[in-house]
Amino acid sequence: MYTARFFSTKLGRASLASIVAMVAMNCFALTQQLHAAPQVLASSAAITGELA
């Protein structure tokens, strides 16, 4: 399905641009998570063992 002939079409170039954009967004999101300080919040339901 993904051949050089496909990527030479307008649709193929658009799909390649979409794939590159998704990879870039995922890399950006992962680097933001790596630099963020973990925040652990305890809810009252978790402390008392209540069921929702």
Protein backbone atom coordinates (compact mmCIF):
# COMPACT_ATOMS: atom_id res chain seq x y z
CA MET A 1 0.00 0.00 0.00
CA TYR A 2 2.73 2.48 0.94
CA THR A 3 5.03 2.44 -2.06
CA ALA A 4 7.08 5.10 -3.76
CA ARG A 5 4.32 5.38 -6.34
CA PHE A 6 1.77 6.13 -3.60
CA PHE A 7 3.93 8.83 -2.00
CA SER A 8 4.37 10.54 -5.36
CA THR A 9 0.63 11.31 -5.44
CA LYS A 10 -1.02 14.27 -3.75
CA LEU A 11 -2.75 11.96 -1.28
CA GLY A 12 0.52 10.20 -0.49
CA ARG A 13 2.30 13.47 0.26
CA ALA A 14 -0.59 14.57 2.47
CA SER A 15 -0.51 11.28 4.40
CA LEU A 16 3.25 11.55 4.82
CA ALA A 17 2.86 15.09 6.18
CA SER A 18 0.18 13.84 8.56
CA ILE A 19 2.40 11.02 9.82
CA VAL A 20 5.31 13.41 10.37
CA ALA A 21 3.04 15.82 12.25
CA MET A 22 1.70 13.06 14.51
CA VAL A 23 5.21 11.81 15.32
CA ALA A 24 6.34 15.36 16.11
CA MET A 25 3.33 15.93 18.37
CA ASN A 26 3.98 12.67 20.22
CA CYS A 27 7.65 13.53 20.72
CA PHE A 28 6.69 16.97 22.04
CA ALA A 29 4.12 15.51 24.45
CA LEU A 30 6.55 12.89 25.74
CA THR A 31 9.30 15.43 26.38
CA GLN A 32 6.82 17.62 28.26
CA GLN A 33 5.86 14.67 30.46
CA LEU A 34 9.47 13.77 31.16
CA HIS A 35 10.23 17.26 32.47
CA ALA A 36 7.04 17.60 34.53
CA ALA A 37 7.14 16.92 38.26
CA PRO A 38 4.85 14.07 39.26
CA GLN A 39 1.83 15.17 41.25
CA VAL A 40 0.12 12.53 43.33
CA LEU A 41 -3.22 13.50 44.79
CA ALA A 42 -5.08 11.26 47.22
CA SER A 43 -8.85 11.46 47.09
CA SER A 44 -11.06 10.81 50.09
CA ALA A 45 -12.57 7.80 48.31
CA ALA A 46 -9.14 6.23 47.95
CA ILE A 47 -8.30 6.84 51.59
CA THR A 48 -11.56 5.50 53.07
CA GLY A 49 -12.06 2.74 50.52
CA GLU A 50 -15.47 3.96 49.32
CA LEU A 51 -16.97 2.55 46.18
CA ALA A 52 -18.47 4.90 43.63
